[in-house]
Amino acid sequence: MNCFDYTLSLILQQPELSLSNTAKRGKSMDLMQLGSQLLASQLGNGVNADSINKALGGLLSDSNGKLDLGSLISAMQGQDLGAIAASWLGDGDNAGISTTQVREVVGKDKVAAMASELDSDEDSILNGLKEALPQLIDNSSKGGTLLDNPGGLLNLAKSLF
């Protein structure tokens, strides 16, 4: 067994990094479903889950339609919210974020568009995002780094060399 295989086997022995958990957590669709569920719990039962998923995808996806949490982290760092972002990426407790900060990071126009799309008010959307975003980032990261989809585990192992 070479050094890379040995390191990968050690990583796989950690329950929170098992392939099944990473596959569940690392795929864009699963993360979007998690984000949609978290947001739906904040908005109430009257909002269609598919509509939430679509709206959240529009908010968090890049121009190719792929989940892009790295841009959200970069935006947070650009708004002097790097310490909050680091807590979400890290393995400890997640720091809170205010609805005002969420609006600044995501963008006023995107929040308004999402509220319109979901037939909701902006305050409800912001409160939902305030709760959903930390958990979404937390479930997409390990040790301060976003796990990319779906090769995060392999890249984590490669980073050790």
Protein backbone atom coordinates (compact mmCIF):
# COMPACT_ATOMS: atom_id res chain seq x y z
CA MET A 1 0.00 0.00 0.00
CA ASN A 2 1.51 3.32 -1.04
CA CYS A 3 1.39 6.46 1.09
CA PHE A 4 -1.59 7.94 -0.79
CA ASP A 5 -3.67 4.74 -0.41
CA TYR A 6 -2.79 4.56 3.28
CA THR A 7 -3.82 8.17 3.89
CA LEU A 8 -7.05 7.69 1.96
CA SER A 9 -7.84 4.58 4.03
CA LEU A 10 -7.28 6.57 7.25
CA ILE A 11 -9.59 9.31 6.04
CA LEU A 12 -12.26 6.80 5.10
CA GLN A 13 -12.16 5.34 8.60
CA GLN A 14 -13.47 8.63 10.00
CA PRO A 15 -17.28 8.27 10.10
CA GLU A 16 -17.93 11.89 9.21
CA LEU A 17 -15.82 11.47 6.08
CA SER A 18 -17.03 8.07 4.90
CA LEU A 19 -17.75 7.80 1.20
CA SER A 20 -21.44 7.34 1.86
CA ASN A 21 -21.62 10.50 3.97
CA THR A 22 -19.47 12.45 1.54
CA ALA A 23 -21.52 11.22 -1.38
CA LYS A 24 -24.67 12.30 0.44
CA ARG A 25 -23.22 15.64 1.50
CA GLY A 26 -20.97 16.37 -1.43
CA LYS A 27 -23.34 16.25 -4.38
CA SER A 28 -24.87 19.51 -5.49
CA MET A 29 -28.37 18.09 -5.63
CA ASP A 30 -28.18 16.73 -2.10
CA LEU A 31 -26.85 20.05 -0.84
CA MET A 32 -29.59 21.91 -2.65
CA GLN A 33 -32.16 19.57 -1.11
CA LEU A 34 -30.66 20.22 2.32
CA GLY A 35 -30.73 23.98 1.73
CA SER A 36 -34.29 23.79 0.43
CA GLN A 37 -35.44 21.79 3.45
CA LEU A 38 -33.80 24.24 5.84
CA LEU A 39 -35.32 27.20 4.04
CA ALA A 40 -38.73 25.52 3.83
CA SER A 41 -38.70 24.96 7.58
CA GLN A 42 -38.24 28.70 8.04
CA LEU A 43 -40.81 29.77 5.45
CA GLY A 44 -43.56 27.39 6.53
CA ASN A 45 -45.59 24.73 4.81
CA GLY A 46 -47.28 27.00 2.29
CA VAL A 47 -44.27 27.15 -0.03
CA ASN A 48 -43.71 24.47 -2.69
CA ALA A 49 -40.44 22.54 -2.17
CA ASP A 50 -39.66 22.55 -5.90
CA SER A 51 -40.09 26.32 -6.00
CA ILE A 52 -37.72 26.72 -3.06
CA ASN A 53 -35.18 24.43 -4.69
CA LYS A 54 -35.33 26.42 -7.94
CA ALA A 55 -35.10 29.79 -6.18
CA LEU A 56 -32.23 28.66 -3.97
CA GLY A 57 -30.47 27.25 -7.02
CA GLY A 58 -30.77 30.61 -8.72
CA LEU A 59 -29.31 32.28 -5.68
CA LEU A 60 -26.37 29.92 -5.10
CA SER A 61 -25.46 28.64 -8.57
CA ASP A 62 -22.88 29.88 -11.01
CA SER A 63 -23.60 30.86 -14.61
CA ASN A 64 -23.48 27.17 -15.62
CA GLY A 65 -26.14 26.23 -13.06
CA LYS A 66 -23.69 24.47 -10.74
CA LEU A 67 -23.76 25.03 -7.00
CA ASP A 68 -21.12 27.67 -6.21
CA LEU A 69 -20.65 28.03 -2.49
CA GLY A 70 -17.12 29.35 -3.00
CA SER A 71 -18.53 32.58 -4.41
CA LEU A 72 -20.69 32.98 -1.32
CA ILE A 73 -17.63 32.53 0.90
CA SER A 74 -15.68 35.03 -1.23
CA ALA A 75 -18.53 37.54 -0.97
CA MET A 76 -18.55 37.12 2.79
CA GLN A 77 -14.81 37.75 2.95
CA GLY A 78 -15.29 40.82 0.76
CA GLN A 79 -17.84 42.16 3.27
CA ASP A 80 -15.43 41.67 6.23
CA LEU A 81 -17.38 38.59 7.31
CA GLY A 82 -14.42 36.22 6.94
CA ALA A 83 -14.55 35.15 10.58
CA ILE A 84 -18.19 34.09 10.20
CA ALA A 85 -17.37 32.24 6.97
CA ALA A 86 -14.42 30.52 8.66
CA SER A 87 -16.69 29.31 11.48
CA TRP A 88 -19.09 27.79 8.94
CA LEU A 89 -16.24 26.10 7.10
CA GLY A 90 -14.56 24.88 10.27
CA ASP A 91 -15.44 21.92 12.42
CA GLY A 92 -16.63 23.90 15.45
CA ASP A 93 -19.78 25.89 16.15
CA ASN A 94 -21.19 28.14 13.43
CA ALA A 95 -21.19 31.87 14.15
CA GLY A 96 -24.45 33.66 13.52
CA ILE A 97 -25.12 36.11 10.73
CA SER A 98 -27.68 38.91 10.72
CA THR A 99 -30.33 39.39 8.09
CA THR A 100 -28.65 42.67 7.13
CA GLN A 101 -25.37 40.83 6.56
CA VAL A 102 -27.14 38.15 4.50
CA ARG A 103 -28.68 40.87 2.32
CA GLU A 104 -25.24 42.49 1.81
CA VAL A 105 -23.57 39.18 0.90
CA VAL A 106 -26.29 37.77 -1.34
CA GLY A 107 -27.36 41.05 -2.84
CA LYS A 108 -30.51 43.11 -2.39
CA ASP A 109 -31.76 42.37 -5.93
CA LYS A 110 -31.34 38.60 -5.55
CA VAL A 111 -33.20 38.60 -2.24
CA ALA A 112 -36.03 40.61 -3.80
CA ALA A 113 -36.16 38.26 -6.80
CA MET A 114 -36.24 35.20 -4.54
CA ALA A 115 -39.01 36.69 -2.41
CA SER A 116 -41.03 37.44 -5.53
CA GLU A 117 -40.44 33.98 -6.97
CA LEU A 118 -41.59 32.33 -3.73
CA ASP A 119 -44.45 34.78 -3.18
CA SER A 120 -42.96 35.69 0.18
CA ASP A 121 -41.65 38.80 1.85
CA GLU A 122 -37.95 39.67 1.94
CA ASP A 123 -37.74 39.47 5.74
CA SER A 124 -38.94 35.85 5.69
CA ILE A 125 -36.45 34.98 2.95
CA LEU A 126 -33.61 36.67 4.86
CA ASN A 127 -34.55 34.92 8.11
CA GLY A 128 -34.65 31.59 6.27
CA LEU A 129 -31.29 32.19 4.62
CA LYS A 130 -29.83 33.32 7.94
CA GLU A 131 -30.59 29.86 9.32
CA ALA A 132 -29.99 27.78 6.17
CA LEU A 133 -26.70 29.18 4.85
CA PRO A 134 -24.51 28.35 7.88
CA GLN A 135 -25.74 24.75 7.89
CA LEU A 136 -25.42 24.42 4.13
CA ILE A 137 -21.79 25.60 4.18
CA ASP A 138 -21.04 23.54 7.28
CA ASN A 139 -22.35 20.38 5.59
CA SER A 140 -20.29 21.18 2.49
CA SER A 141 -16.96 21.57 4.25
CA LYS A 142 -14.42 19.80 6.39
CA GLY A 143 -11.54 21.29 8.30
CA GLY A 144 -11.98 24.79 6.90
CA THR A 145 -12.24 23.79 3.23
CA LEU A 146 -15.22 23.35 0.95
CA LEU A 147 -15.46 19.81 -0.33
CA ASP A 148 -15.98 20.05 -4.06
CA ASN A 149 -18.57 17.89 -5.73
CA PRO A 150 -18.07 14.93 -5.67
CA GLY A 151 -14.28 14.76 -5.46
CA GLY A 152 -13.84 16.57 -2.16
CA LEU A 153 -12.65 13.50 -0.31
CA LEU A 154 -10.05 12.67 -2.92
CA ASN A 155 -8.82 16.27 -3.04
CA LEU A 156 -8.69 16.32 0.76
CA ALA A 157 -6.40 13.28 0.63
CA LYS A 158 -4.28 14.83 -2.14
CA SER A 159 -3.83 17.99 -0.08
CA LEU A 160 -1.91 15.96 2.49
CA PHE A 161 0.97 15.46 0.05
